Amino acid sequence: MINILTYIWGRKNPYNRVGIIFLNVPAPYLPWVMLALSHFSGSSLTENIMGIFVGHTYYYFTEVFPTMPITHGIRPLDTPGFL
C-alpha cells in the first residue's frame, strides 16, 4: 500500500526531492529507490512491484487517460453519477 501512495505522490510532485537514508532523490524515483533498498535488504520484491504497478495504473486512469483527445474526458475510475 505504501508503494501505491509513494508512486502517486511522486508523480504528482515531480520537482520535490526526498532524503531517504543517505540519498537525496527526486520524488518520482522514490518507489524505485524503495524497491532497490528492499532488494538489498533481502525481502521479497513482489509487493513493491505490485504497488508500483497499481499506482501507475491509478495515475494513468485518473491523470493521463482523461486528457487524451480520443477519450473525450471520460474518467473510468470516477464514481458513477447514480450513486
N, C-alpha and C. Protein backbone atom coordinates (compact mmCIF):
# COMPACT_ATOMS: atom_id res chain seq x y z
N MET A 1 0.82 -1.19 0.00
CA MET A 1 0.00 0.00 0.00
C MET A 1 0.87 1.26 0.00
N ILE A 2 1.96 1.23 0.72
CA ILE A 2 2.82 2.42 0.79
C ILE A 2 3.43 2.73 -0.57
N ASN A 3 3.73 1.70 -1.35
CA ASN A 3 4.31 1.95 -2.68
C ASN A 3 3.30 2.58 -3.63
N ILE A 4 2.03 2.23 -3.49
CA ILE A 4 1.00 2.87 -4.30
C ILE A 4 0.97 4.36 -4.00
N LEU A 5 0.94 4.69 -2.73
CA LEU A 5 0.86 6.10 -2.33
C LEU A 5 2.12 6.87 -2.70
N THR A 6 3.29 6.27 -2.52
CA THR A 6 4.52 7.00 -2.88
C THR A 6 4.63 7.17 -4.39
N TYR A 7 4.15 6.20 -5.15
CA TYR A 7 4.20 6.35 -6.61
C TYR A 7 3.30 7.50 -7.06
N ILE A 8 2.07 7.53 -6.55
CA ILE A 8 1.13 8.58 -6.94
C ILE A 8 1.64 9.94 -6.47
N TRP A 9 2.11 10.02 -5.23
CA TRP A 9 2.62 11.28 -4.70
C TRP A 9 3.82 11.76 -5.52
N GLY A 10 4.71 10.85 -5.86
CA GLY A 10 5.89 11.22 -6.64
C GLY A 10 5.54 11.72 -8.02
N ARG A 11 4.54 11.12 -8.64
CA ARG A 11 4.13 11.57 -9.97
C ARG A 11 3.45 12.93 -9.92
N LYS A 12 2.72 13.21 -8.85
CA LYS A 12 2.03 14.50 -8.73
C LYS A 12 2.94 15.60 -8.23
N ASN A 13 4.08 15.27 -7.69
CA ASN A 13 5.05 16.25 -7.17
C ASN A 13 6.43 15.98 -7.78
N PRO A 14 6.57 16.17 -9.08
CA PRO A 14 7.82 15.75 -9.75
C PRO A 14 9.04 16.59 -9.39
N TYR A 15 8.85 17.77 -8.82
CA TYR A 15 10.00 18.64 -8.52
C TYR A 15 10.44 18.56 -7.06
N ASN A 16 9.74 17.80 -6.24
CA ASN A 16 10.16 17.62 -4.85
C ASN A 16 11.33 16.66 -4.80
N ARG A 17 12.17 16.85 -3.79
CA ARG A 17 13.28 15.94 -3.54
C ARG A 17 13.07 15.32 -2.17
N VAL A 18 13.45 14.06 -2.05
CA VAL A 18 13.22 13.31 -0.83
C VAL A 18 14.55 12.73 -0.36
N GLY A 19 14.83 12.89 0.93
CA GLY A 19 16.01 12.27 1.52
C GLY A 19 15.63 10.93 2.13
N ILE A 20 16.24 9.87 1.65
CA ILE A 20 15.98 8.54 2.19
C ILE A 20 17.33 7.89 2.47
N ILE A 21 17.54 7.55 3.71
CA ILE A 21 18.79 7.04 4.25
C ILE A 21 19.93 8.01 3.91
N PHE A 22 20.74 7.72 2.93
CA PHE A 22 21.87 8.60 2.58
C PHE A 22 21.70 9.22 1.20
N LEU A 23 20.55 9.03 0.59
CA LEU A 23 20.32 9.52 -0.77
C LEU A 23 19.34 10.68 -0.79
N ASN A 24 19.55 11.61 -1.69
CA ASN A 24 18.62 12.70 -1.95
C ASN A 24 18.13 12.51 -3.38
N VAL A 25 16.89 12.02 -3.54
CA VAL A 25 16.39 11.65 -4.86
C VAL A 25 15.15 12.46 -5.21
N PRO A 26 14.89 12.65 -6.50
CA PRO A 26 13.64 13.29 -6.92
C PRO A 26 12.45 12.40 -6.54
N ALA A 27 11.35 13.02 -6.20
CA ALA A 27 10.17 12.28 -5.73
C ALA A 27 9.68 11.19 -6.69
N PRO A 28 9.69 11.41 -8.01
CA PRO A 28 9.22 10.32 -8.89
C PRO A 28 10.06 9.04 -8.82
N TYR A 29 11.30 9.15 -8.35
CA TYR A 29 12.16 7.97 -8.25
C TYR A 29 12.06 7.27 -6.90
N LEU A 30 11.31 7.82 -5.97
CA LEU A 30 11.23 7.25 -4.62
C LEU A 30 10.76 5.79 -4.62
N PRO A 31 9.69 5.41 -5.33
CA PRO A 31 9.29 4.00 -5.30
C PRO A 31 10.38 3.06 -5.82
N TRP A 32 11.14 3.54 -6.80
CA TRP A 32 12.21 2.70 -7.36
C TRP A 32 13.37 2.56 -6.38
N VAL A 33 13.67 3.62 -5.64
CA VAL A 33 14.71 3.55 -4.61
C VAL A 33 14.27 2.60 -3.50
N MET A 34 12.99 2.69 -3.12
CA MET A 34 12.47 1.78 -2.10
C MET A 34 12.52 0.33 -2.58
N LEU A 35 12.28 0.12 -3.86
CA LEU A 35 12.38 -1.22 -4.44
C LEU A 35 13.81 -1.74 -4.35
N ALA A 36 14.77 -0.90 -4.70
CA ALA A 36 16.18 -1.30 -4.62
C ALA A 36 16.60 -1.58 -3.18
N LEU A 37 16.18 -0.73 -2.25
CA LEU A 37 16.53 -0.96 -0.85
C LEU A 37 15.91 -2.25 -0.32
N SER A 38 14.69 -2.57 -0.75
CA SER A 38 14.07 -3.83 -0.36
C SER A 38 14.86 -5.01 -0.92
N HIS A 39 15.31 -4.86 -2.15
CA HIS A 39 16.10 -5.93 -2.77
C HIS A 39 17.42 -6.14 -2.01
N PHE A 40 18.09 -5.04 -1.66
CA PHE A 40 19.36 -5.15 -0.96
C PHE A 40 19.19 -5.70 0.46
N SER A 41 18.03 -5.48 1.06
CA SER A 41 17.80 -6.00 2.41
C SER A 41 17.35 -7.45 2.39
N GLY A 42 17.11 -8.00 1.20
CA GLY A 42 16.78 -9.41 1.09
C GLY A 42 15.31 -9.73 1.17
N SER A 43 14.43 -8.73 1.15
CA SER A 43 13.00 -9.02 1.23
C SER A 43 12.42 -9.24 -0.17
N SER A 44 11.20 -9.71 -0.20
CA SER A 44 10.54 -10.02 -1.46
C SER A 44 10.20 -8.75 -2.23
N LEU A 45 10.41 -8.78 -3.53
CA LEU A 45 10.15 -7.62 -4.37
C LEU A 45 8.72 -7.60 -4.91
N THR A 46 7.98 -8.68 -4.72
CA THR A 46 6.65 -8.80 -5.31
C THR A 46 5.72 -7.69 -4.84
N GLU A 47 5.68 -7.41 -3.55
CA GLU A 47 4.79 -6.37 -3.03
C GLU A 47 5.16 -5.00 -3.58
N ASN A 48 6.44 -4.71 -3.65
CA ASN A 48 6.88 -3.41 -4.18
C ASN A 48 6.53 -3.26 -5.65
N ILE A 49 6.77 -4.29 -6.43
CA ILE A 49 6.47 -4.23 -7.86
C ILE A 49 4.96 -4.10 -8.08
N MET A 50 4.17 -4.84 -7.32
CA MET A 50 2.71 -4.73 -7.45
C MET A 50 2.23 -3.34 -7.04
N GLY A 51 2.83 -2.76 -6.01
CA GLY A 51 2.46 -1.41 -5.59
C GLY A 51 2.76 -0.38 -6.66
N ILE A 52 3.91 -0.50 -7.29
CA ILE A 52 4.27 0.41 -8.38
C ILE A 52 3.32 0.23 -9.55
N PHE A 53 2.99 -1.01 -9.88
CA PHE A 53 2.07 -1.28 -10.98
C PHE A 53 0.68 -0.71 -10.71
N VAL A 54 0.14 -0.94 -9.53
CA VAL A 54 -1.19 -0.43 -9.19
C VAL A 54 -1.18 1.10 -9.13
N GLY A 55 -0.13 1.68 -8.56
CA GLY A 55 -0.02 3.13 -8.52
C GLY A 55 0.04 3.73 -9.90
N HIS A 56 0.81 3.10 -10.79
CA HIS A 56 0.90 3.59 -12.17
C HIS A 56 -0.45 3.48 -12.88
N THR A 57 -1.15 2.38 -12.68
CA THR A 57 -2.46 2.20 -13.31
C THR A 57 -3.44 3.25 -12.82
N TYR A 58 -3.46 3.50 -11.52
CA TYR A 58 -4.36 4.52 -10.97
C TYR A 58 -4.00 5.90 -11.51
N TYR A 59 -2.73 6.24 -11.50
CA TYR A 59 -2.29 7.55 -12.00
C TYR A 59 -2.66 7.71 -13.48
N TYR A 60 -2.46 6.69 -14.25
CA TYR A 60 -2.76 6.76 -15.68
C TYR A 60 -4.25 7.02 -15.91
N PHE A 61 -5.12 6.27 -15.23
CA PHE A 61 -6.55 6.41 -15.47
C PHE A 61 -7.17 7.64 -14.82
N THR A 62 -6.49 8.28 -13.89
CA THR A 62 -7.04 9.50 -13.28
C THR A 62 -6.42 10.77 -13.83
N GLU A 63 -5.18 10.72 -14.30
CA GLU A 63 -4.49 11.94 -14.73
C GLU A 63 -4.19 11.98 -16.24
N VAL A 64 -3.80 10.88 -16.82
CA VAL A 64 -3.35 10.87 -18.22
C VAL A 64 -4.50 10.54 -19.18
N PHE A 65 -5.20 9.47 -18.92
CA PHE A 65 -6.26 9.00 -19.81
C PHE A 65 -7.33 10.06 -20.10
N PRO A 66 -7.85 10.78 -19.10
CA PRO A 66 -8.88 11.79 -19.39
C PRO A 66 -8.40 12.95 -20.27
N THR A 67 -7.11 13.19 -20.34
CA THR A 67 -6.61 14.31 -21.15
C THR A 67 -6.36 13.93 -22.61
N MET A 68 -6.49 12.67 -22.94
CA MET A 68 -6.29 12.22 -24.32
C MET A 68 -7.50 12.64 -25.16
N PRO A 69 -7.27 13.23 -26.34
CA PRO A 69 -8.40 13.73 -27.15
C PRO A 69 -9.42 12.66 -27.52
N ILE A 70 -8.98 11.45 -27.74
CA ILE A 70 -9.90 10.40 -28.19
C ILE A 70 -10.87 9.96 -27.08
N THR A 71 -10.55 10.21 -25.82
CA THR A 71 -11.40 9.75 -24.72
C THR A 71 -12.51 10.73 -24.38
N HIS A 72 -12.44 11.95 -24.87
CA HIS A 72 -13.46 12.98 -24.62
C HIS A 72 -13.67 13.24 -23.13
N GLY A 73 -12.62 13.16 -22.35
CA GLY A 73 -12.68 13.48 -20.93
C GLY A 73 -13.29 12.41 -20.05
N ILE A 74 -13.46 11.21 -20.56
CA ILE A 74 -14.03 10.12 -19.77
C ILE A 74 -13.06 9.77 -18.65
N ARG A 75 -13.60 9.63 -17.45
CA ARG A 75 -12.81 9.24 -16.28
C ARG A 75 -13.33 7.88 -15.79
N PRO A 76 -12.69 6.78 -16.19
CA PRO A 76 -13.23 5.46 -15.89
C PRO A 76 -13.23 5.09 -14.41
N LEU A 77 -12.44 5.74 -13.58
CA LEU A 77 -12.40 5.39 -12.16
C LEU A 77 -13.26 6.29 -11.28
N ASP A 78 -13.95 7.26 -11.87
CA ASP A 78 -14.84 8.12 -11.07
C ASP A 78 -16.08 7.33 -10.64
N THR A 79 -16.66 7.76 -9.53
CA THR A 79 -17.88 7.14 -9.04
C THR A 79 -19.02 7.46 -10.00
N PRO A 80 -19.86 6.49 -10.33
CA PRO A 80 -20.98 6.75 -11.23
C PRO A 80 -21.94 7.79 -10.65
N GLY A 81 -22.59 8.54 -11.51
CA GLY A 81 -23.48 9.61 -11.09
C GLY A 81 -24.70 9.14 -10.31
N PHE A 82 -25.16 7.91 -10.52
CA PHE A 82 -26.36 7.44 -9.82
C PHE A 82 -26.10 7.05 -8.38
N LEU A 83 -24.86 7.05 -7.97
CA LEU A 83 -24.54 6.76 -6.57
C LEU A 83 -24.43 8.06 -5.84
